[in-house]
């Protein structure tokens, strides 16, 4: 999947909120998106009062547009996902879903990029220092959660726990046979966590370098917009190849799980999508 590696891409979080597992979580969090995004922006940039006011004004307008213009499309998209899950899923279904998410992100990023330019162009050196500290914090969290400093077995267990948690959120409890099968398939997926961390840090450095151009707003907008829209650009070939291999094998894992679902598990998933 895509490497979502910078909360400075303010618009992308809105899409992520809509796709959170758990229907009640989607409703609650989306309705509180203005508060959550404001808190996260403050956490990254330590805004002064006037900066915070401008951010909130622009965010309110972006959210109002999103609710009025985009939610009907999201409802249709989720409805088609539900229809597709009522039959045996295919690799094409998985690719359609992922491309659908990416397309809606690009719309959101395109709409929010002008606001991002205005907000980021006004950052002070202290704001940027705050962002650098926050990058260090989130990088450490990623490293801890993915056991990057541990043994290969530590990393394997951590990844398996994350995979099982994601699947159970949609299916409910798994059978021992399903867990064993997931474990075996999960072990065939290449380990890319260290490469992903390096790519996160590369993107963070790119972002900080882009900010150095913020004094020339026209040029800043020219380089920032494609950076916001295409988070995969500039990846090293080794990382891209490993991610593509992992991408296909993870799709195969989830399709295998889908074929093994019991009627109760399938009903659980349908209820979540129907919400």
Protein backbone atom coordinates (compact mmCIF):
# COMPACT_ATOMS: atom_id res chain seq x y z
CA UNK A 1 0.00 0.00 0.00
CA UNK A 2 0.99 3.62 -0.13
CA UNK A 3 3.52 4.88 2.32
CA UNK A 4 1.65 7.61 4.27
CA UNK A 5 4.72 9.17 5.76
CA UNK A 6 4.02 12.84 6.53
CA UNK A 7 1.17 14.45 8.41
CA UNK A 8 2.24 17.73 6.82
CA UNK A 9 0.14 16.59 3.87
CA UNK A 10 -2.85 17.98 5.69
CA UNK A 11 -5.47 16.92 3.17
CA UNK A 12 -4.60 13.23 3.13
CA UNK A 13 -5.77 12.70 6.70
CA UNK A 14 -9.34 13.51 5.72
CA UNK A 15 -9.37 10.55 3.37
CA UNK A 16 -7.78 8.32 5.96
CA UNK A 17 -10.46 9.27 8.46
CA UNK A 18 -13.19 8.08 6.13
CA UNK A 19 -11.47 4.73 5.70
CA UNK A 20 -10.78 3.96 9.33
CA UNK A 21 -11.87 0.46 10.38
CA UNK A 22 -15.05 0.57 12.40
CA UNK A 23 -18.18 2.33 11.22
CA UNK A 24 -18.82 4.21 14.45
CA UNK A 25 -15.19 5.37 14.43
CA UNK A 26 -15.66 6.78 10.93
CA UNK A 27 -18.70 8.79 11.95
CA UNK A 28 -17.26 10.05 15.22
CA UNK A 29 -13.82 10.92 13.88
CA UNK A 30 -15.04 12.51 10.65
CA UNK A 31 -17.44 14.71 12.60
CA UNK A 32 -14.49 15.78 14.76
CA UNK A 33 -12.05 16.11 11.84
CA UNK A 34 -11.66 19.87 12.31
CA UNK A 35 -10.58 19.44 15.93
CA UNK A 36 -8.33 16.47 15.16
CA UNK A 37 -6.57 18.10 12.23
CA UNK A 38 -6.09 21.34 14.14
CA UNK A 39 -4.58 19.39 17.01
CA UNK A 40 -2.23 17.48 14.71
CA UNK A 41 -1.13 20.63 12.88
CA UNK A 42 -0.45 22.28 16.21
CA UNK A 43 1.46 19.19 17.32
CA UNK A 44 3.70 19.39 14.25
CA UNK A 45 4.24 23.11 13.88
CA UNK A 46 3.50 24.64 17.29
CA UNK A 47 1.46 27.42 15.68
CA UNK A 48 1.21 30.91 17.08
CA UNK A 49 -2.37 32.20 17.67
CA UNK A 50 -2.65 34.02 14.32
CA UNK A 51 -1.27 31.02 12.43
CA UNK A 52 -3.72 28.76 14.19
CA UNK A 53 -6.60 31.09 13.29
CA UNK A 54 -5.67 31.08 9.61
CA UNK A 55 -5.27 27.32 9.60
CA UNK A 56 -8.69 26.80 11.20
CA UNK A 57 -10.37 29.16 8.74
CA UNK A 58 -8.92 27.35 5.75
CA UNK A 59 -9.63 23.94 7.25
CA UNK A 60 -13.28 24.83 7.88
CA UNK A 61 -13.68 25.76 4.22
CA UNK A 62 -11.96 22.57 3.02
CA UNK A 63 -14.14 20.40 5.25
CA UNK A 64 -17.30 22.19 4.13
CA UNK A 65 -16.39 21.56 0.49
CA UNK A 66 -15.55 17.93 1.23
CA UNK A 67 -18.82 17.23 3.00
CA UNK A 68 -20.90 18.92 0.31
CA UNK A 69 -19.04 17.78 -2.79
CA UNK A 70 -17.25 14.52 -2.03
CA UNK A 71 -19.31 12.49 0.45
CA UNK A 72 -21.91 11.37 -2.14
CA UNK A 73 -19.06 9.91 -4.21
CA UNK A 74 -17.63 8.19 -1.13
CA UNK A 75 -21.04 6.68 -0.41
CA UNK A 76 -21.21 5.29 -3.96
CA UNK A 77 -17.65 3.99 -3.67
CA UNK A 78 -18.35 2.22 -0.38
CA UNK A 79 -21.59 0.85 -1.82
CA UNK A 80 -19.72 -0.73 -4.70
CA UNK A 81 -17.15 -2.17 -2.29
CA UNK A 82 -20.00 -3.79 -0.40
CA UNK A 83 -21.44 -5.26 -3.61
CA UNK A 84 -18.06 -6.66 -4.60
CA UNK A 85 -17.60 -8.33 -1.22
CA UNK A 86 -20.90 -10.18 -1.65
CA UNK A 87 -19.16 -12.45 -4.16
CA UNK A 88 -15.72 -14.02 -4.30
CA UNK A 89 -13.13 -11.26 -4.45
CA UNK A 90 -10.44 -11.15 -7.14
CA UNK A 91 -7.08 -9.50 -7.60
CA UNK A 92 -8.79 -7.02 -9.94
CA UNK A 93 -11.18 -6.08 -7.13
CA UNK A 94 -8.23 -5.38 -4.83
CA UNK A 95 -6.50 -3.24 -7.45
CA UNK A 96 -9.76 -1.38 -8.16
CA UNK A 97 -10.15 -0.62 -4.46
CA UNK A 98 -6.60 0.63 -4.02
CA UNK A 99 -6.72 2.78 -7.16
CA UNK A 100 -10.06 4.17 -6.02
CA UNK A 101 -8.52 5.27 -2.73
CA UNK A 102 -5.55 6.84 -4.52
CA UNK A 103 -7.79 8.70 -6.96
CA UNK A 104 -9.87 10.20 -4.14
CA UNK A 105 -6.71 11.20 -2.32
CA UNK A 106 -5.45 13.03 -5.42
CA UNK A 107 -8.72 14.98 -5.66
CA UNK A 108 -8.42 15.92 -2.01
CA UNK A 109 -4.75 16.84 -2.28
CA UNK A 110 -5.45 18.93 -5.36
CA UNK A 111 -8.19 20.84 -3.59
CA UNK A 112 -6.16 21.37 -0.43
CA UNK A 113 -2.84 22.21 -2.06
CA UNK A 114 -3.53 25.94 -2.41
CA UNK A 115 -4.36 26.18 1.29
CA UNK A 116 -1.27 24.14 2.11
CA UNK A 117 0.88 26.58 0.14
CA UNK A 118 -0.52 29.56 2.04
CA UNK A 119 -0.14 27.93 5.45
CA UNK A 120 3.33 26.50 4.84
CA UNK A 121 4.61 29.70 3.23
CA UNK A 122 4.01 31.45 6.52
CA UNK A 123 5.99 29.04 8.68
CA UNK A 124 8.68 30.51 10.92
CA UNK A 125 12.04 28.93 11.78
CA UNK A 126 10.53 27.90 15.13
CA UNK A 127 7.67 26.16 13.33
CA UNK A 128 10.14 24.20 11.25
CA UNK A 129 12.17 23.22 14.31
CA UNK A 130 8.96 21.93 15.88
CA UNK A 131 8.26 19.85 12.75
CA UNK A 132 11.77 18.39 12.83
CA UNK A 133 11.25 17.31 16.44
CA UNK A 134 7.91 15.76 15.55
CA UNK A 135 9.49 13.86 12.66
CA UNK A 136 11.99 12.41 15.12
CA UNK A 137 9.14 11.42 17.40
CA UNK A 138 7.08 9.66 14.72
CA UNK A 139 10.17 7.96 13.32
CA UNK A 140 10.96 6.54 16.75
CA UNK A 141 7.36 5.37 17.12
CA UNK A 142 7.55 3.61 13.74
CA UNK A 143 10.84 2.00 14.71
CA UNK A 144 9.48 0.82 18.06
CA UNK A 145 6.22 -0.55 16.61
CA UNK A 146 8.02 -2.37 13.80
CA UNK A 147 10.87 -3.58 16.06
CA UNK A 148 13.52 -2.20 13.72
CA UNK A 149 16.12 -2.51 16.45
CA UNK A 150 15.16 -6.08 17.27
CA UNK A 151 15.87 -9.47 15.76
CA UNK A 152 14.31 -10.79 12.58
CA UNK A 153 11.99 -12.90 14.73
CA UNK A 154 10.94 -9.78 16.69
CA UNK A 155 10.07 -8.02 13.44
CA UNK A 156 8.24 -11.09 12.15
CA UNK A 157 6.06 -11.36 15.26
CA UNK A 158 5.28 -7.63 15.25
CA UNK A 159 4.22 -7.70 11.60
CA UNK A 160 2.07 -10.79 12.13
CA UNK A 161 0.33 -9.16 15.10
CA UNK A 162 -0.47 -6.08 12.99
CA UNK A 163 -1.79 -8.22 10.14
CA UNK A 164 -3.99 -10.33 12.40
CA UNK A 165 -5.34 -7.25 14.14
CA UNK A 166 -6.34 -5.63 10.84
CA UNK A 167 -8.07 -8.76 9.62
CA UNK A 168 -9.94 -9.39 12.88
CA UNK A 169 -11.27 -5.83 12.81
CA UNK A 170 -13.18 -6.79 9.67
CA UNK A 171 -13.93 -10.48 10.22
CA UNK A 172 -14.25 -10.90 13.96
CA UNK A 173 -12.48 -13.89 15.60
CA UNK A 174 -10.41 -16.13 13.34
CA UNK A 175 -10.20 -19.89 13.51
CA UNK A 176 -6.89 -21.60 14.42
CA UNK A 177 -6.63 -22.89 10.85
CA UNK A 178 -7.12 -19.38 9.44
CA UNK A 179 -4.48 -17.94 11.77
CA UNK A 180 -2.03 -20.67 10.77
CA UNK A 181 -2.65 -19.98 7.09
CA UNK A 182 -2.25 -16.22 7.56
CA UNK A 183 1.00 -16.80 9.44
CA UNK A 184 2.40 -18.93 6.63
CA UNK A 185 1.42 -16.47 3.90
CA UNK A 186 2.58 -13.46 5.92
CA UNK A 187 6.04 -15.02 6.16
CA UNK A 188 6.32 -15.02 2.35
CA UNK A 189 5.96 -11.22 2.15
CA UNK A 190 9.35 -9.46 1.93
CA UNK A 191 10.36 -7.38 4.94
CA UNK A 192 10.40 -3.78 3.86
CA UNK A 193 10.01 -1.96 7.18
CA UNK A 194 13.61 -0.72 7.26
CA UNK A 195 13.36 0.44 3.65
CA UNK A 196 10.03 2.11 4.39
CA UNK A 197 11.57 3.95 7.33
CA UNK A 198 14.38 5.17 5.09
CA UNK A 199 11.80 6.32 2.55
CA UNK A 200 9.83 8.15 5.26
CA UNK A 201 13.00 9.98 6.27
CA UNK A 202 13.78 10.79 2.63
CA UNK A 203 10.32 12.34 2.23
CA UNK A 204 10.74 14.31 5.43
CA UNK A 205 14.05 15.71 4.17
CA UNK A 206 12.41 16.57 0.85
CA UNK A 207 9.66 18.41 2.68
CA UNK A 208 12.13 20.43 4.75
CA UNK A 209 14.06 21.26 1.57
CA UNK A 210 10.84 22.37 -0.12
CA UNK A 211 10.14 24.71 2.77
CA UNK A 212 13.35 26.56 2.00
CA UNK A 213 11.64 27.75 -1.20
CA UNK A 214 8.57 29.11 0.58
CA UNK A 215 9.74 32.72 0.22
CA UNK A 216 8.91 32.52 -3.50
CA UNK A 217 5.25 31.51 -3.27
CA UNK A 218 4.75 30.84 -7.00
CA UNK A 219 7.77 28.54 -7.18
CA UNK A 220 6.86 26.95 -3.86
CA UNK A 221 3.38 26.14 -5.16
CA UNK A 222 4.84 24.67 -8.35
CA UNK A 223 7.02 22.17 -6.50
CA UNK A 224 4.74 21.47 -3.54
CA UNK A 225 1.63 20.43 -5.46
CA UNK A 226 3.15 17.40 -7.24
CA UNK A 227 4.96 16.44 -4.03
CA UNK A 228 1.64 16.35 -2.20
CA UNK A 229 -0.12 14.37 -4.93
CA UNK A 230 2.47 11.70 -5.70
CA UNK A 231 4.00 10.27 -2.53
CA UNK A 232 5.59 7.41 -4.53
CA UNK A 233 7.79 9.63 -6.69
CA UNK A 234 11.53 9.41 -6.14
CA UNK A 235 11.59 6.06 -4.40
CA UNK A 236 14.81 4.07 -4.77
CA UNK A 237 14.53 1.18 -7.22
CA UNK A 238 15.26 -1.42 -4.52
CA UNK A 239 12.43 -0.13 -2.34
CA UNK A 240 9.97 0.07 -5.24
CA UNK A 241 10.77 -3.48 -6.35
CA UNK A 242 10.40 -4.83 -2.80
CA UNK A 243 7.13 -2.93 -2.27
CA UNK A 244 5.70 -4.21 -5.56
CA UNK A 245 6.53 -7.79 -4.62
CA UNK A 246 5.06 -7.29 -1.17
CA UNK A 247 2.03 -5.58 -2.68
CA UNK A 248 1.17 -8.60 -4.81
CA UNK A 249 1.77 -11.09 -2.00
CA UNK A 250 -0.29 -9.08 0.47
CA UNK A 251 -3.15 -8.98 -2.03
CA UNK A 252 -2.81 -12.79 -2.35
CA UNK A 253 -2.93 -13.10 1.44
CA UNK A 254 -6.12 -11.07 1.77
CA UNK A 255 -7.78 -12.90 -1.11
CA UNK A 256 -6.89 -16.19 0.56
CA UNK A 257 -8.45 -14.94 3.79
CA UNK A 258 -11.56 -13.80 1.92
CA UNK A 259 -12.04 -17.26 0.40
CA UNK A 260 -11.77 -18.86 3.85
CA UNK A 261 -14.40 -16.68 5.54
CA UNK A 262 -17.18 -18.42 7.39
CA UNK A 263 -20.77 -17.22 6.90
CA UNK A 264 -20.53 -15.51 10.30
CA UNK A 265 -17.29 -13.74 9.39
CA UNK A 266 -18.67 -12.62 6.04
CA UNK A 267 -21.78 -11.29 7.75
CA UNK A 268 -19.54 -9.40 10.21
CA UNK A 269 -17.70 -7.73 7.33
CA UNK A 270 -20.93 -6.89 5.53
CA UNK A 271 -22.33 -5.24 8.65
CA UNK A 272 -19.25 -3.03 8.94
CA UNK A 273 -19.47 -1.99 5.31
CA UNK A 274 -23.22 -1.39 5.56
CA UNK A 275 -22.61 1.04 8.40
